[in-house]
Amino acid sequence: MGTVTKIAQQIMTCITILAVGDGLQVAERAGVDLDAFEQLVRVSAGQSHIADHWREMLRRMDARTIELFYEGLRPALSVGHELGVPLPGTALAQQLIAQHLAPC
């Protein structure tokens, strides 16, 4: 159960990374003040540990860390397949994770 618990947590983390990255890209491209946007998100339904620490997280990213996120979703997709649980969000997160975590 410990392994499955870790896999389920990894799925949630990576999909949240994808959502935060998408939202911030839209806000930034539209010219929204990102400091103000982050403050708003902290008190909204979009609040998450990842959203709260996004910029700090990006500063610490390197190619190996990004690869670990990517590789961490392989067992998740395998377990989903074994259990007959479709995981389209997880598959998409795996495909796009490097795009959202690439150091600026």
PDB file of N, CA and C in Angstrom:
ATOM      1  N   MET A   1       0.814  -1.208   0.000  1.00  0.00           N
ATOM      2  CA  MET A   1       0.000   0.000   0.000  1.00  0.00           C
ATOM      3  C   MET A   1       0.854   1.267   0.000  1.00  0.00           C
ATOM      4  N   GLY A   2       2.026   1.192   0.590  1.00  0.00           N
ATOM      5  CA  GLY A   2       2.895   2.363   0.616  1.00  0.00           C
ATOM      6  C   GLY A   2       3.301   2.817  -0.777  1.00  0.00           C
ATOM      7  N   THR A   3       3.606   1.853  -1.640  1.00  0.00           N
ATOM      8  CA  THR A   3       4.002   2.190  -3.007  1.00  0.00           C
ATOM      9  C   THR A   3       2.847   2.821  -3.765  1.00  0.00           C
ATOM     10  N   VAL A   4       1.669   2.242  -3.632  1.00  0.00           N
ATOM     11  CA  VAL A   4       0.502   2.794  -4.329  1.00  0.00           C
ATOM     12  C   VAL A   4       0.177   4.178  -3.788  1.00  0.00           C
ATOM     13  N   THR A   5       0.315   4.385  -2.493  1.00  0.00           N
ATOM     14  CA  THR A   5       0.075   5.701  -1.902  1.00  0.00           C
ATOM     15  C   THR A   5       1.036   6.726  -2.487  1.00  0.00           C
ATOM     16  N   LYS A   6       2.318   6.377  -2.614  1.00  0.00           N
ATOM     17  CA  LYS A   6       3.317   7.281  -3.188  1.00  0.00           C
ATOM     18  C   LYS A   6       2.991   7.574  -4.646  1.00  0.00           C
ATOM     19  N   ILE A   7       2.576   6.553  -5.382  1.00  0.00           N
ATOM     20  CA  ILE A   7       2.222   6.736  -6.790  1.00  0.00           C
ATOM     21  C   ILE A   7       1.030   7.682  -6.920  1.00  0.00           C
ATOM     22  N   ALA A   8       0.009   7.499  -6.097  1.00  0.00           N
ATOM     23  CA  ALA A   8      -1.176   8.365  -6.153  1.00  0.00           C
ATOM     24  C   ALA A   8      -0.801   9.812  -5.819  1.00  0.00           C
ATOM     25  N   GLN A   9       0.072   9.988  -4.833  1.00  0.00           N
ATOM     26  CA  GLN A   9       0.537  11.332  -4.468  1.00  0.00           C
ATOM     27  C   GLN A   9       1.322  11.957  -5.615  1.00  0.00           C
ATOM     28  N   GLN A  10       2.155  11.161  -6.300  1.00  0.00           N
ATOM     29  CA  GLN A  10       2.941  11.672  -7.432  1.00  0.00           C
ATOM     30  C   GLN A  10       2.033  12.118  -8.570  1.00  0.00           C
ATOM     31  N   ILE A  11       0.964  11.364  -8.813  1.00  0.00           N
ATOM     32  CA  ILE A  11      -0.009  11.752  -9.837  1.00  0.00           C
ATOM     33  C   ILE A  11      -0.577  13.126  -9.508  1.00  0.00           C
ATOM     34  N   MET A  12      -1.009  13.312  -8.283  1.00  0.00           N
ATOM     35  CA  MET A  12      -1.619  14.583  -7.878  1.00  0.00           C
ATOM     36  C   MET A  12      -0.617  15.729  -7.981  1.00  0.00           C
ATOM     37  N   THR A  13       0.612  15.487  -7.568  1.00  0.00           N
ATOM     38  CA  THR A  13       1.645  16.527  -7.626  1.00  0.00           C
ATOM     39  C   THR A  13       1.910  16.953  -9.068  1.00  0.00           C
ATOM     40  N   CYS A  14       2.114  15.997  -9.946  1.00  0.00           N
ATOM     41  CA  CYS A  14       2.467  16.327 -11.327  1.00  0.00           C
ATOM     42  C   CYS A  14       1.318  16.986 -12.077  1.00  0.00           C
ATOM     43  N   ILE A  15       0.099  16.562 -11.824  1.00  0.00           N
ATOM     44  CA  ILE A  15      -1.033  17.216 -12.479  1.00  0.00           C
ATOM     45  C   ILE A  15      -1.196  18.640 -11.946  1.00  0.00           C
ATOM     46  N   THR A  16      -0.917  18.843 -10.673  1.00  0.00           N
ATOM     47  CA  THR A  16      -0.972  20.193 -10.104  1.00  0.00           C
ATOM     48  C   THR A  16       0.113  21.071 -10.722  1.00  0.00           C
ATOM     49  N   ILE A  17       1.297  20.527 -10.935  1.00  0.00           N
ATOM     50  CA  ILE A  17       2.365  21.278 -11.611  1.00  0.00           C
ATOM     51  C   ILE A  17       1.893  21.734 -12.982  1.00  0.00           C
ATOM     52  N   LEU A  18       1.241  20.840 -13.704  1.00  0.00           N
ATOM     53  CA  LEU A  18       0.737  21.179 -15.033  1.00  0.00           C
ATOM     54  C   LEU A  18      -0.288  22.309 -14.959  1.00  0.00           C
ATOM     55  N   ALA A  19      -1.208  22.231 -14.016  1.00  0.00           N
ATOM     56  CA  ALA A  19      -2.254  23.255 -13.880  1.00  0.00           C
ATOM     57  C   ALA A  19      -1.665  24.603 -13.478  1.00  0.00           C
ATOM     58  N   VAL A  20      -0.750  24.609 -12.524  1.00  0.00           N
ATOM     59  CA  VAL A  20      -0.137  25.862 -12.080  1.00  0.00           C
ATOM     60  C   VAL A  20       0.666  26.475 -13.221  1.00  0.00           C
ATOM     61  N   GLY A  21       1.429  25.655 -13.926  1.00  0.00           N
ATOM     62  CA  GLY A  21       2.203  26.165 -15.057  1.00  0.00           C
ATOM     63  C   GLY A  21       1.323  26.775 -16.136  1.00  0.00           C
ATOM     64  N   ASP A  22       0.224  26.099 -16.470  1.00  0.00           N
ATOM     65  CA  ASP A  22      -0.697  26.632 -17.473  1.00  0.00           C
ATOM     66  C   ASP A  22      -1.293  27.962 -17.020  1.00  0.00           C
ATOM     67  N   GLY A  23      -1.786  28.003 -15.798  1.00  0.00           N
ATOM     68  CA  GLY A  23      -2.415  29.225 -15.287  1.00  0.00           C
ATOM     69  C   GLY A  23      -1.452  30.396 -15.261  1.00  0.00           C
ATOM     70  N   LEU A  24      -0.242  30.158 -14.798  1.00  0.00           N
ATOM     71  CA  LEU A  24       0.735  31.240 -14.739  1.00  0.00           C
ATOM     72  C   LEU A  24       1.180  31.695 -16.124  1.00  0.00           C
ATOM     73  N   GLN A  25       1.264  30.778 -17.074  1.00  0.00           N
ATOM     74  CA  GLN A  25       1.612  31.182 -18.434  1.00  0.00           C
ATOM     75  C   GLN A  25       0.553  32.107 -19.019  1.00  0.00           C
ATOM     76  N   VAL A  26      -0.709  31.774 -18.799  1.00  0.00           N
ATOM     77  CA  VAL A  26      -1.800  32.625 -19.302  1.00  0.00           C
ATOM     78  C   VAL A  26      -1.744  33.993 -18.630  1.00  0.00           C
ATOM     79  N   ALA A  27      -1.602  34.000 -17.304  1.00  0.00           N
ATOM     80  CA  ALA A  27      -1.558  35.270 -16.576  1.00  0.00           C
ATOM     81  C   ALA A  27      -0.380  36.118 -17.037  1.00  0.00           C
ATOM     82  N   GLU A  28       0.776  35.497 -17.156  1.00  0.00           N
ATOM     83  CA  GLU A  28       1.970  36.241 -17.567  1.00  0.00           C
ATOM     84  C   GLU A  28       1.833  36.781 -18.989  1.00  0.00           C
ATOM     85  N   ARG A  29       1.379  35.948 -19.904  1.00  0.00           N
ATOM     86  CA  ARG A  29       1.229  36.371 -21.307  1.00  0.00           C
ATOM     87  C   ARG A  29       0.230  37.508 -21.438  1.00  0.00           C
ATOM     88  N   ALA A  30      -0.804  37.515 -20.572  1.00  0.00           N
ATOM     89  CA  ALA A  30      -1.825  38.569 -20.621  1.00  0.00           C
ATOM     90  C   ALA A  30      -1.361  39.849 -19.931  1.00  0.00           C
ATOM     91  N   GLY A  31      -0.194  39.801 -19.297  1.00  0.00           N
ATOM     92  CA  GLY A  31       0.330  40.991 -18.648  1.00  0.00           C
ATOM     93  C   GLY A  31      -0.123  41.179 -17.208  1.00  0.00           C
ATOM     94  N   VAL A  32      -0.679  40.142 -16.617  1.00  0.00           N
ATOM     95  CA  VAL A  32      -1.108  40.222 -15.219  1.00  0.00           C
ATOM     96  C   VAL A  32       0.131  40.324 -14.332  1.00  0.00           C
ATOM     97  N   ASP A  33       0.063  41.164 -13.310  1.00  0.00           N
ATOM     98  CA  ASP A  33       1.141  41.266 -12.337  1.00  0.00           C
ATOM     99  C   ASP A  33       1.219  39.929 -11.590  1.00  0.00           C
ATOM    100  N   LEU A  34       2.329  39.212 -11.740  1.00  0.00           N
ATOM    101  CA  LEU A  34       2.430  37.864 -11.174  1.00  0.00           C
ATOM    102  C   LEU A  34       2.480  37.858  -9.655  1.00  0.00           C
ATOM    103  N   ASP A  35       3.057  38.890  -9.051  1.00  0.00           N
ATOM    104  CA  ASP A  35       3.047  38.956  -7.587  1.00  0.00           C
ATOM    105  C   ASP A  35       1.615  39.066  -7.073  1.00  0.00           C
ATOM    106  N   ALA A  36       0.838  39.942  -7.690  1.00  0.00           N
ATOM    107  CA  ALA A  36      -0.563  40.105  -7.294  1.00  0.00           C
ATOM    108  C   ALA A  36      -1.357  38.830  -7.581  1.00  0.00           C
ATOM    109  N   PHE A  37      -1.083  38.207  -8.720  1.00  0.00           N
ATOM    110  CA  PHE A  37      -1.774  36.974  -9.086  1.00  0.00           C
ATOM    111  C   PHE A  37      -1.491  35.871  -8.063  1.00  0.00           C
ATOM    112  N   GLU A  38      -0.233  35.721  -7.683  1.00  0.00           N
ATOM    113  CA  GLU A  38       0.123  34.699  -6.696  1.00  0.00           C
ATOM    114  C   GLU A  38      -0.563  34.959  -5.354  1.00  0.00           C
ATOM    115  N   GLN A  39      -0.662  36.227  -4.964  1.00  0.00           N
ATOM    116  CA  GLN A  39      -1.376  36.554  -3.721  1.00  0.00           C
ATOM    117  C   GLN A  39      -2.844  36.173  -3.824  1.00  0.00           C
ATOM    118  N   LEU A  40      -3.455  36.430  -4.966  1.00  0.00           N
ATOM    119  CA  LEU A  40      -4.848  36.060  -5.176  1.00  0.00           C
ATOM    120  C   LEU A  40      -5.030  34.549  -5.099  1.00  0.00           C
ATOM    121  N   VAL A  41      -4.151  33.815  -5.764  1.00  0.00           N
ATOM    122  CA  VAL A  41      -4.267  32.357  -5.782  1.00  0.00           C
ATOM    123  C   VAL A  41      -4.147  31.781  -4.377  1.00  0.00           C
ATOM    124  N   ARG A  42      -3.310  32.385  -3.546  1.00  0.00           N
ATOM    125  CA  ARG A  42      -3.122  31.881  -2.170  1.00  0.00           C
ATOM    126  C   ARG A  42      -4.398  31.912  -1.335  1.00  0.00           C
ATOM    127  N   VAL A  43      -5.357  32.741  -1.712  1.00  0.00           N
ATOM    128  CA  VAL A  43      -6.608  32.827  -0.940  1.00  0.00           C
ATOM    129  C   VAL A  43      -7.808  32.377  -1.780  1.00  0.00           C
ATOM    130  N   SER A  44      -7.524  31.603  -2.832  1.00  0.00           N
ATOM    131  CA  SER A  44      -8.603  31.142  -3.702  1.00  0.00           C
ATOM    132  C   SER A  44      -8.615  29.615  -3.743  1.00  0.00           C
ATOM    133  N   ALA A  45      -9.553  29.075  -4.496  1.00  0.00           N
ATOM    134  CA  ALA A  45      -9.637  27.626  -4.655  1.00  0.00           C
ATOM    135  C   ALA A  45      -8.430  27.064  -5.405  1.00  0.00           C
ATOM    136  N   GLY A  46      -7.662  27.907  -6.069  1.00  0.00           N
ATOM    137  CA  GLY A  46      -6.466  27.463  -6.781  1.00  0.00           C
ATOM    138  C   GLY A  46      -5.249  27.293  -5.894  1.00  0.00           C
ATOM    139  N   GLN A  47      -5.389  27.574  -4.612  1.00  0.00           N
ATOM    140  CA  GLN A  47      -4.265  27.500  -3.684  1.00  0.00           C
ATOM    141  C   GLN A  47      -3.749  26.068  -3.578  1.00  0.00           C
ATOM    142  N   SER A  48      -2.443  25.932  -3.591  1.00  0.00           N
ATOM    143  CA  SER A  48      -1.788  24.649  -3.355  1.00  0.00           C
ATOM    144  C   SER A  48      -0.353  24.928  -2.930  1.00  0.00           C
ATOM    145  N   HIS A  49       0.273  23.945  -2.370  1.00  0.00           N
ATOM    146  CA  HIS A  49       1.679  24.093  -1.984  1.00  0.00           C
ATOM    147  C   HIS A  49       2.516  24.440  -3.220  1.00  0.00           C
ATOM    148  N   ILE A  50       2.216  23.805  -4.328  1.00  0.00           N
ATOM    149  CA  ILE A  50       2.974  24.065  -5.556  1.00  0.00           C
ATOM    150  C   ILE A  50       2.757  25.496  -6.034  1.00  0.00           C
ATOM    151  N   ALA A  51       1.520  25.957  -6.044  1.00  0.00           N
ATOM    152  CA  ALA A  51       1.256  27.340  -6.453  1.00  0.00           C
ATOM    153  C   ALA A  51       1.944  28.326  -5.515  1.00  0.00           C
ATOM    154  N   ASP A  52       1.946  28.017  -4.233  1.00  0.00           N
ATOM    155  CA  ASP A  52       2.565  28.912  -3.252  1.00  0.00           C
ATOM    156  C   ASP A  52       4.083  29.002  -3.413  1.00  0.00           C
ATOM    157  N   HIS A  53       4.699  27.980  -3.961  1.00  0.00           N
ATOM    158  CA  HIS A  53       6.165  27.921  -4.032  1.00  0.00           C
ATOM    159  C   HIS A  53       6.691  27.783  -5.459  1.00  0.00           C
ATOM    160  N   TRP A  54       5.881  28.180  -6.442  1.00  0.00           N
ATOM    161  CA  TRP A  54       6.212  27.967  -7.846  1.00  0.00           C
ATOM    162  C   TRP A  54       7.554  28.573  -8.245  1.00  0.00           C
ATOM    163  N   ARG A  55       7.754  29.838  -7.982  1.00  0.00           N
ATOM    164  CA  ARG A  55       8.995  30.497  -8.426  1.00  0.00           C
ATOM    165  C   ARG A  55      10.221  29.877  -7.762  1.00  0.00           C
ATOM    166  N   GLU A  56      10.110  29.588  -6.484  1.00  0.00           N
ATOM    167  CA  GLU A  56      11.206  28.941  -5.763  1.00  0.00           C
ATOM    168  C   GLU A  56      11.486  27.559  -6.351  1.00  0.00           C
ATOM    169  N   MET A  57      10.441  26.838  -6.675  1.00  0.00           N
ATOM    170  CA  MET A  57      10.579  25.511  -7.251  1.00  0.00           C
ATOM    171  C   MET A  57      11.310  25.578  -8.593  1.00  0.00           C
ATOM    172  N   LEU A  58      10.940  26.536  -9.430  1.00  0.00           N
ATOM    173  CA  LEU A  58      11.586  26.674 -10.740  1.00  0.00           C
ATOM    174  C   LEU A  58      13.073  26.997 -10.613  1.00  0.00           C
ATOM    175  N   ARG A  59      13.423  27.795  -9.623  1.00  0.00           N
ATOM    176  CA  ARG A  59      14.840  28.152  -9.430  1.00  0.00           C
ATOM    177  C   ARG A  59      15.682  26.923  -9.100  1.00  0.00           C
ATOM    178  N   ARG A  60      15.083  25.915  -8.473  1.00  0.00           N
ATOM    179  CA  ARG A  60      15.824  24.724  -8.061  1.00  0.00           C
ATOM    180  C   ARG A  60      15.821  23.615  -9.108  1.00  0.00           C
ATOM    181  N   MET A  61      15.106  23.802 -10.200  1.00  0.00           N
ATOM    182  CA  MET A  61      14.975  22.746 -11.200  1.00  0.00           C
ATOM    183  C   MET A  61      16.255  22.582 -12.007  1.00  0.00           C
ATOM    184  N   ASP A  62      16.590  21.352 -12.250  1.00  0.00           N
ATOM    185  CA  ASP A  62      17.645  21.032 -13.193  1.00  0.00           C
ATOM    186  C   ASP A  62      17.165  19.843 -14.015  1.00  0.00           C
ATOM    187  N   ALA A  63      17.937  19.467 -15.013  1.00  0.00           N
ATOM    188  CA  ALA A  63      17.510  18.408 -15.932  1.00  0.00           C
ATOM    189  C   ALA A  63      17.251  17.101 -15.196  1.00  0.00           C
ATOM    190  N   ARG A  64      18.052  16.774 -14.207  1.00  0.00           N
ATOM    191  CA  ARG A  64      17.879  15.508 -13.469  1.00  0.00           C
ATOM    192  C   ARG A  64      16.578  15.506 -12.674  1.00  0.00           C
ATOM    193  N   THR A  65      16.252  16.615 -12.034  1.00  0.00           N
ATOM    194  CA  THR A  65      15.013  16.703 -11.265  1.00  0.00           C
ATOM    195  C   THR A  65      13.803  16.564 -12.184  1.00  0.00           C
ATOM    196  N   ILE A  66      13.864  17.209 -13.329  1.00  0.00           N
ATOM    197  CA  ILE A  66      12.766  17.107 -14.296  1.00  0.00           C
ATOM    198  C   ILE A  66      12.615  15.661 -14.761  1.00  0.00           C
ATOM    199  N   GLU A  67      13.724  14.998 -15.020  1.00  0.00           N
ATOM    200  CA  GLU A  67      13.694  13.591 -15.443  1.00  0.00           C
ATOM    201  C   GLU A  67      13.068  12.709 -14.353  1.00  0.00           C
ATOM    202  N   LEU A  68      13.339  13.013 -13.093  1.00  0.00           N
ATOM    203  CA  LEU A  68      12.747  12.237 -11.995  1.00  0.00           C
ATOM    204  C   LEU A  68      11.227  12.396 -11.955  1.00  0.00           C
ATOM    205  N   PHE A  69      10.730  13.607 -12.195  1.00  0.00           N
ATOM    206  CA  PHE A  69       9.275  13.798 -12.279  1.00  0.00           C
ATOM    207  C   PHE A  69       8.704  12.958 -13.416  1.00  0.00           C
ATOM    208  N   TYR A  70       9.351  13.033 -14.576  1.00  0.00           N
ATOM    209  CA  TYR A  70       8.890  12.287 -15.749  1.00  0.00           C
ATOM    210  C   TYR A  70       8.889  10.784 -15.468  1.00  0.00           C
ATOM    211  N   GLU A  71      10.019  10.286 -14.996  1.00  0.00           N
ATOM    212  CA  GLU A  71      10.146   8.853 -14.725  1.00  0.00           C
ATOM    213  C   GLU A  71       9.208   8.392 -13.606  1.00  0.00           C
ATOM    214  N   GLY A  72       8.923   9.278 -12.662  1.00  0.00           N
ATOM    215  CA  GLY A  72       8.035   8.929 -11.562  1.00  0.00           C
ATOM    216  C   GLY A  72       6.613   8.635 -12.004  1.00  0.00           C
ATOM    217  N   LEU A  73       6.256   9.092 -13.191  1.00  0.00           N
ATOM    218  CA  LEU A  73       4.900   8.826 -13.681  1.00  0.00           C
ATOM    219  C   LEU A  73       4.787   7.522 -14.459  1.00  0.00           C
ATOM    220  N   ARG A  74       5.902   6.906 -14.822  1.00  0.00           N
ATOM    221  CA  ARG A  74       5.834   5.601 -15.495  1.00  0.00           C
ATOM    222  C   ARG A  74       5.127   4.556 -14.640  1.00  0.00           C
ATOM    223  N   PRO A  75       5.539   4.376 -13.384  1.00  0.00           N
ATOM    224  CA  PRO A  75       4.829   3.381 -12.567  1.00  0.00           C
ATOM    225  C   PRO A  75       3.374   3.754 -12.323  1.00  0.00           C
ATOM    226  N   ALA A  76       3.085   5.035 -12.276  1.00  0.00           N
ATOM    227  CA  ALA A  76       1.697   5.472 -12.087  1.00  0.00           C
ATOM    228  C   ALA A  76       0.838   5.018 -13.255  1.00  0.00           C
ATOM    229  N   LEU A  77       1.338   5.227 -14.469  1.00  0.00           N
ATOM    230  CA  LEU A  77       0.586   4.813 -15.648  1.00  0.00           C
ATOM    231  C   LEU A  77       0.455   3.295 -15.711  1.00  0.00           C
ATOM    232  N   SER A  78       1.486   2.599 -15.284  1.00  0.00           N
ATOM    233  CA  SER A  78       1.453   1.139 -15.262  1.00  0.00           C
ATOM    234  C   SER A  78       0.415   0.621 -14.260  1.00  0.00           C
ATOM    235  N   VAL A  79       0.404   1.193 -13.067  1.00  0.00           N
ATOM    236  CA  VAL A  79      -0.571   0.790 -12.048  1.00  0.00           C
ATOM    237  C   VAL A  79      -1.988   1.103 -12.519  1.00  0.00           C
ATOM    238  N   GLY A  80      -2.174   2.262 -13.117  1.00  0.00           N
ATOM    239  CA  GLY A  80      -3.488   2.606 -13.654  1.00  0.00           C
ATOM    240  C   GLY A  80      -3.954   1.579 -14.667  1.00  0.00           C
ATOM    241  N   HIS A  81      -3.038   1.175 -15.550  1.00  0.00           N
ATOM    242  CA  HIS A  81      -3.368   0.166 -16.561  1.00  0.00           C
ATOM    243  C   HIS A  81      -3.735  -1.162 -15.899  1.00  0.00           C
ATOM    244  N   GLU A  82      -2.928  -1.584 -14.919  1.00  0.00           N
ATOM    245  CA  GLU A  82      -3.186  -2.842 -14.217  1.00  0.00           C
ATOM    246  C   GLU A  82      -4.534  -2.833 -13.509  1.00  0.00           C
ATOM    247  N   LEU A  83      -4.921  -1.683 -12.970  1.00  0.00           N
ATOM    248  CA  LEU A  83      -6.177  -1.576 -12.223  1.00  0.00           C
ATOM    249  C   LEU A  83      -7.369  -1.235 -13.116  1.00  0.00           C
ATOM    250  N   GLY A  84      -7.110  -0.995 -14.382  1.00  0.00           N
ATOM    251  CA  GLY A  84      -8.192  -0.615 -15.292  1.00  0.00           C
ATOM    252  C   GLY A  84      -8.692   0.798 -15.051  1.00  0.00           C
ATOM    253  N   VAL A  85      -7.799   1.650 -14.578  1.00  0.00           N
ATOM    254  CA  VAL A  85      -8.139   3.049 -14.299  1.00  0.00           C
ATOM    255  C   VAL A  85      -7.496   3.925 -15.367  1.00  0.00           C
ATOM    256  N   PRO A  86      -8.294   4.551 -16.234  1.00  0.00           N
ATOM    257  CA  PRO A  86      -7.694   5.443 -17.226  1.00  0.00           C
ATOM    258  C   PRO A  86      -7.099   6.671 -16.535  1.00  0.00           C
ATOM    259  N   LEU A  87      -5.929   7.053 -16.951  1.00  0.00           N
ATOM    260  CA  LEU A  87      -5.233   8.200 -16.342  1.00  0.00           C
ATOM    261  C   LEU A  87      -4.809   9.197 -17.420  1.00  0.00           C
ATOM    262  N   PRO A  88      -5.773   9.786 -18.131  1.00  0.00           N
ATOM    263  CA  PRO A  88      -5.397  10.711 -19.203  1.00  0.00           C
ATOM    264  C   PRO A  88      -4.668  11.953 -18.689  1.00  0.00           C
ATOM    265  N   GLY A  89      -5.039  12.446 -17.533  1.00  0.00           N
ATOM    266  CA  GLY A  89      -4.349  13.614 -16.976  1.00  0.00           C
ATOM    267  C   GLY A  89      -2.908  13.297 -16.630  1.00  0.00           C
ATOM    268  N   THR A  90      -2.677  12.105 -16.121  1.00  0.00           N
ATOM    269  CA  THR A  90      -1.325  11.681 -15.772  1.00  0.00           C
ATOM    270  C   THR A  90      -0.470  11.529 -17.028  1.00  0.00           C
ATOM    271  N   ALA A  91      -1.038  10.931 -18.066  1.00  0.00           N
ATOM    272  CA  ALA A  91      -0.302  10.780 -19.330  1.00  0.00           C
ATOM    273  C   ALA A  91       0.051  12.139 -19.914  1.00  0.00           C
ATOM    274  N   LEU A  92      -0.890  13.066 -19.864  1.00  0.00           N
ATOM    275  CA  LEU A  92      -0.627  14.410 -20.375  1.00  0.00           C
ATOM    276  C   LEU A  92       0.428  15.116 -19.525  1.00  0.00           C
ATOM    277  N   ALA A  93       0.321  14.978 -18.214  1.00  0.00           N
ATOM    278  CA  ALA A  93       1.318  15.599 -17.327  1.00  0.00           C
ATOM    279  C   ALA A  93       2.703  15.061 -17.643  1.00  0.00           C
ATOM    280  N   GLN A  94       2.821  13.765 -17.881  1.00  0.00           N
ATOM    281  CA  GLN A  94       4.127  13.198 -18.194  1.00  0.00           C
ATOM    282  C   GLN A  94       4.679  13.792 -19.491  1.00  0.00           C
ATOM    283  N   GLN A  95       3.813  13.965 -20.481  1.00  0.00           N
ATOM    284  CA  GLN A  95       4.260  14.512 -21.757  1.00  0.00           C
ATOM    285  C   GLN A  95       4.711  15.965 -21.644  1.00  0.00           C
ATOM    286  N   LEU A  96       4.075  16.731 -20.758  1.00  0.00           N
ATOM    287  CA  LEU A  96       4.316  18.177 -20.704  1.00  0.00           C
ATOM    288  C   LEU A  96       5.137  18.645 -19.509  1.00  0.00           C
ATOM    289  N   ILE A  97       5.487  17.744 -18.608  1.00  0.00           N
ATOM    290  CA  ILE A  97       6.138  18.162 -17.356  1.00  0.00           C
ATOM    291  C   ILE A  97       7.440  18.934 -17.616  1.00  0.00           C
ATOM    292  N   ALA A  98       8.242  18.487 -18.560  1.00  0.00           N
ATOM    293  CA  ALA A  98       9.501  19.175 -18.827  1.00  0.00           C
ATOM    294  C   ALA A  98       9.279  20.594 -19.310  1.00  0.00           C
ATOM    295  N   GLN A  99       8.235  20.791 -20.104  1.00  0.00           N
ATOM    296  CA  GLN A  99       7.908  22.128 -20.614  1.00  0.00           C
ATOM    297  C   GLN A  99       7.613  23.096 -19.472  1.00  0.00           C
ATOM    298  N   HIS A 100       6.921  22.635 -18.435  1.00  0.00           N
ATOM    299  CA  HIS A 100       6.546  23.505 -17.335  1.00  0.00           C
ATOM    300  C   HIS A 100       7.642  23.661 -16.283  1.00  0.00           C
ATOM    301  N   LEU A 101       8.565  22.724 -16.231  1.00  0.00           N
ATOM    302  CA  LEU A 101       9.599  22.800 -15.207  1.00  0.00           C
ATOM    303  C   LEU A 101      10.948  23.255 -15.731  1.00  0.00           C
ATOM    304  N   ALA A 102      11.068  23.441 -17.027  1.00  0.00           N
ATOM    305  CA  ALA A 102      12.347  23.861 -17.593  1.00  0.00           C
ATOM    306  C   ALA A 102      12.786  25.174 -16.972  1.00  0.00           C
ATOM    307  N   PRO A 103      14.021  25.230 -16.493  1.00  0.00           N
ATOM    308  CA  PRO A 103      14.504  26.486 -15.910  1.00  0.00           C
ATOM    309  C   PRO A 103      14.391  27.627 -16.907  1.00  0.00           C
ATOM    310  N   CYS A 104      14.003  28.776 -16.396  1.00  0.00           N
ATOM    311  CA  CYS A 104      13.811  29.951 -17.248  1.00  0.00           C
ATOM    312  C   CYS A 104      15.145  30.544 -17.656  1.00  0.00           C
TER     313      CYS A 104
END
